[in-house]
Amino acid sequence: MSEQFSLRENDEYITLGQLLKASGLVMSGSEAKALIQNGEVCVNGETETRRGRKLRAKDRVLFDGREIEIVETGAGE
């Protein structure tokens, strides 16, 4: 089962580093950078080494046994 992370209404995307921090998986940008560069994070089933990778709705991030699906915030939410 995956967790969901909602993009803010006016945001088209969130970067991978920002997502790891915003979801509480890491405490700092430098920690996110190190983990991503070490190949410890997957996006849509593939290892991702760029912390600036743009994540959009329907992307899935896997880190430390947790899966996060990016979703759009719908009208009325």
N, C-alpha and C. Protein backbone atom coordinates (compact mmCIF):
# COMPACT_ATOMS: atom_id res chain seq x y z
N MET A 1 0.85 -1.19 0.00
CA MET A 1 0.00 0.00 0.00
C MET A 1 0.88 1.24 0.00
N SER A 2 0.49 2.22 -0.77
CA SER A 2 1.31 3.42 -0.85
C SER A 2 0.66 4.58 -0.12
N GLU A 3 1.50 5.50 0.29
CA GLU A 3 1.04 6.75 0.86
C GLU A 3 0.81 7.71 -0.30
N GLN A 4 0.10 8.78 -0.05
CA GLN A 4 -0.10 9.78 -1.09
C GLN A 4 0.44 11.12 -0.64
N PHE A 5 0.99 11.84 -1.60
CA PHE A 5 1.45 13.20 -1.37
C PHE A 5 0.73 14.08 -2.37
N SER A 6 -0.01 15.05 -1.89
CA SER A 6 -0.78 15.93 -2.77
C SER A 6 0.03 17.16 -3.16
N LEU A 7 0.07 17.41 -4.46
CA LEU A 7 0.67 18.65 -4.94
C LEU A 7 -0.24 19.80 -4.54
N ARG A 8 0.37 20.92 -4.22
CA ARG A 8 -0.45 22.10 -3.93
C ARG A 8 -1.18 22.51 -5.21
N GLU A 9 -2.28 23.18 -5.04
CA GLU A 9 -3.18 23.49 -6.16
C GLU A 9 -2.49 24.13 -7.35
N ASN A 10 -1.57 25.07 -7.11
CA ASN A 10 -0.94 25.79 -8.22
C ASN A 10 0.38 25.18 -8.67
N ASP A 11 0.82 24.08 -8.03
CA ASP A 11 2.10 23.48 -8.38
C ASP A 11 1.94 22.42 -9.46
N GLU A 12 2.81 22.52 -10.45
CA GLU A 12 2.82 21.55 -11.54
C GLU A 12 3.64 20.32 -11.15
N TYR A 13 4.64 20.54 -10.29
CA TYR A 13 5.53 19.45 -9.89
C TYR A 13 6.19 19.77 -8.55
N ILE A 14 6.87 18.77 -7.98
CA ILE A 14 7.71 18.93 -6.81
C ILE A 14 9.00 18.18 -7.12
N THR A 15 10.13 18.67 -6.65
CA THR A 15 11.37 17.95 -6.92
C THR A 15 11.50 16.78 -5.95
N LEU A 16 12.31 15.83 -6.33
CA LEU A 16 12.51 14.64 -5.51
C LEU A 16 13.04 15.00 -4.13
N GLY A 17 14.03 15.89 -4.07
CA GLY A 17 14.58 16.32 -2.78
C GLY A 17 13.54 16.99 -1.91
N GLN A 18 12.70 17.84 -2.52
CA GLN A 18 11.64 18.52 -1.77
C GLN A 18 10.63 17.52 -1.23
N LEU A 19 10.30 16.52 -2.03
CA LEU A 19 9.33 15.51 -1.60
C LEU A 19 9.85 14.74 -0.40
N LEU A 20 11.11 14.32 -0.43
CA LEU A 20 11.65 13.56 0.68
C LEU A 20 11.61 14.36 1.97
N LYS A 21 11.89 15.67 1.88
CA LYS A 21 11.83 16.53 3.06
C LYS A 21 10.39 16.76 3.49
N ALA A 22 9.51 17.11 2.57
CA ALA A 22 8.13 17.44 2.89
C ALA A 22 7.37 16.25 3.48
N SER A 23 7.73 15.05 3.06
CA SER A 23 7.04 13.86 3.56
C SER A 23 7.64 13.33 4.86
N GLY A 24 8.72 13.97 5.32
CA GLY A 24 9.34 13.58 6.58
C GLY A 24 10.26 12.37 6.48
N LEU A 25 10.61 11.97 5.27
CA LEU A 25 11.51 10.82 5.11
C LEU A 25 12.96 11.17 5.41
N VAL A 26 13.31 12.45 5.25
CA VAL A 26 14.64 12.94 5.60
C VAL A 26 14.49 14.24 6.36
N MET A 27 15.53 14.62 7.09
CA MET A 27 15.47 15.84 7.89
C MET A 27 16.04 17.07 7.19
N SER A 28 16.88 16.85 6.16
CA SER A 28 17.52 18.00 5.52
C SER A 28 17.74 17.75 4.04
N GLY A 29 17.98 18.83 3.33
CA GLY A 29 18.30 18.73 1.92
C GLY A 29 19.59 17.99 1.66
N SER A 30 20.57 18.17 2.55
CA SER A 30 21.85 17.48 2.36
C SER A 30 21.69 15.97 2.57
N GLU A 31 20.84 15.57 3.49
CA GLU A 31 20.56 14.15 3.69
C GLU A 31 19.87 13.57 2.45
N ALA A 32 18.90 14.30 1.92
CA ALA A 32 18.21 13.86 0.71
C ALA A 32 19.19 13.72 -0.45
N LYS A 33 20.06 14.71 -0.61
CA LYS A 33 21.04 14.69 -1.69
C LYS A 33 21.92 13.45 -1.61
N ALA A 34 22.43 13.15 -0.43
CA ALA A 34 23.31 12.00 -0.26
C ALA A 34 22.59 10.69 -0.57
N LEU A 35 21.39 10.52 -0.06
CA LEU A 35 20.64 9.29 -0.29
C LEU A 35 20.30 9.10 -1.76
N ILE A 36 19.91 10.18 -2.41
CA ILE A 36 19.56 10.12 -3.83
C ILE A 36 20.80 9.79 -4.66
N GLN A 37 21.90 10.49 -4.41
CA GLN A 37 23.12 10.25 -5.17
C GLN A 37 23.68 8.85 -4.94
N ASN A 38 23.40 8.25 -3.78
CA ASN A 38 23.84 6.89 -3.49
C ASN A 38 22.94 5.83 -4.13
N GLY A 39 21.91 6.27 -4.85
CA GLY A 39 21.03 5.34 -5.54
C GLY A 39 20.04 4.64 -4.63
N GLU A 40 19.66 5.26 -3.53
CA GLU A 40 18.77 4.63 -2.56
C GLU A 40 17.29 4.98 -2.78
N VAL A 41 17.00 5.74 -3.85
CA VAL A 41 15.63 6.17 -4.11
C VAL A 41 15.24 5.76 -5.53
N CYS A 42 14.03 5.21 -5.66
CA CYS A 42 13.51 4.83 -6.98
C CYS A 42 12.31 5.70 -7.33
N VAL A 43 12.21 6.06 -8.59
CA VAL A 43 11.05 6.78 -9.10
C VAL A 43 10.47 5.95 -10.24
N ASN A 44 9.21 5.60 -10.10
CA ASN A 44 8.52 4.78 -11.11
C ASN A 44 9.29 3.51 -11.43
N GLY A 45 9.85 2.89 -10.39
CA GLY A 45 10.52 1.60 -10.55
C GLY A 45 11.97 1.65 -11.00
N GLU A 46 12.51 2.85 -11.19
CA GLU A 46 13.90 2.99 -11.63
C GLU A 46 14.69 3.84 -10.65
N THR A 47 15.94 3.44 -10.41
CA THR A 47 16.80 4.21 -9.51
C THR A 47 16.99 5.62 -10.06
N GLU A 48 16.85 6.60 -9.19
CA GLU A 48 17.00 8.01 -9.59
C GLU A 48 18.13 8.64 -8.78
N THR A 49 19.06 9.31 -9.46
CA THR A 49 20.20 9.92 -8.78
C THR A 49 20.19 11.44 -8.87
N ARG A 50 19.11 12.02 -9.38
CA ARG A 50 19.01 13.48 -9.48
C ARG A 50 18.00 14.00 -8.46
N ARG A 51 18.46 14.80 -7.50
CA ARG A 51 17.51 15.30 -6.50
C ARG A 51 16.58 16.35 -7.09
N GLY A 52 16.93 16.93 -8.21
CA GLY A 52 16.08 17.91 -8.87
C GLY A 52 15.07 17.30 -9.82
N ARG A 53 14.98 15.97 -9.84
CA ARG A 53 14.01 15.28 -10.70
C ARG A 53 12.62 15.82 -10.41
N LYS A 54 11.91 16.25 -11.44
CA LYS A 54 10.57 16.81 -11.28
C LYS A 54 9.55 15.68 -11.20
N LEU A 55 8.80 15.66 -10.12
CA LEU A 55 7.77 14.66 -9.91
C LEU A 55 6.41 15.29 -10.16
N ARG A 56 5.61 14.59 -10.92
CA ARG A 56 4.27 15.08 -11.24
C ARG A 56 3.23 14.05 -10.81
N ALA A 57 1.97 14.41 -10.94
CA ALA A 57 0.89 13.50 -10.56
C ALA A 57 1.10 12.14 -11.21
N LYS A 58 0.84 11.10 -10.44
CA LYS A 58 0.93 9.69 -10.82
C LYS A 58 2.34 9.12 -10.71
N ASP A 59 3.35 9.94 -10.45
CA ASP A 59 4.69 9.40 -10.21
C ASP A 59 4.69 8.68 -8.86
N ARG A 60 5.54 7.66 -8.75
CA ARG A 60 5.66 6.89 -7.50
C ARG A 60 7.12 6.87 -7.07
N VAL A 61 7.34 7.15 -5.79
CA VAL A 61 8.68 7.19 -5.21
C VAL A 61 8.78 6.09 -4.17
N LEU A 62 9.85 5.31 -4.23
CA LEU A 62 10.10 4.25 -3.26
C LEU A 62 11.40 4.55 -2.54
N PHE A 63 11.33 4.62 -1.20
CA PHE A 63 12.51 4.86 -0.38
C PHE A 63 12.32 4.21 0.97
N ASP A 64 13.30 3.47 1.39
CA ASP A 64 13.31 2.88 2.73
C ASP A 64 12.04 2.07 3.02
N GLY A 65 11.57 1.34 2.02
CA GLY A 65 10.39 0.50 2.18
C GLY A 65 9.07 1.22 2.12
N ARG A 66 9.10 2.51 1.90
CA ARG A 66 7.86 3.31 1.80
C ARG A 66 7.65 3.76 0.37
N GLU A 67 6.42 3.65 -0.09
CA GLU A 67 6.08 4.11 -1.43
C GLU A 67 5.15 5.32 -1.31
N ILE A 68 5.48 6.35 -2.06
CA ILE A 68 4.66 7.56 -2.06
C ILE A 68 4.20 7.84 -3.48
N GLU A 69 2.91 8.00 -3.65
CA GLU A 69 2.33 8.34 -4.94
C GLU A 69 2.00 9.83 -4.95
N ILE A 70 2.41 10.52 -6.00
CA ILE A 70 2.10 11.94 -6.15
C ILE A 70 0.70 12.06 -6.74
N VAL A 71 -0.13 12.87 -6.09
CA VAL A 71 -1.50 13.08 -6.58
C VAL A 71 -1.76 14.58 -6.70
N GLU A 72 -2.70 14.91 -7.59
CA GLU A 72 -3.11 16.30 -7.73
C GLU A 72 -4.20 16.58 -6.71
N THR A 73 -4.20 17.77 -6.17
CA THR A 73 -5.26 18.19 -5.27
C THR A 73 -6.45 18.57 -6.14
N GLY A 74 -7.55 17.90 -5.96
CA GLY A 74 -8.73 18.18 -6.77
C GLY A 74 -9.54 19.33 -6.24
N ALA A 75 -10.44 19.78 -7.01
CA ALA A 75 -11.33 20.86 -6.61
C ALA A 75 -12.12 20.43 -5.38
N GLY A 76 -12.21 21.29 -4.40
CA GLY A 76 -12.98 21.01 -3.21
C GLY A 76 -12.19 20.31 -2.10
N GLU A 77 -10.93 19.99 -2.35
CA GLU A 77 -10.13 19.31 -1.31
C GLU A 77 -9.43 20.32 -0.47
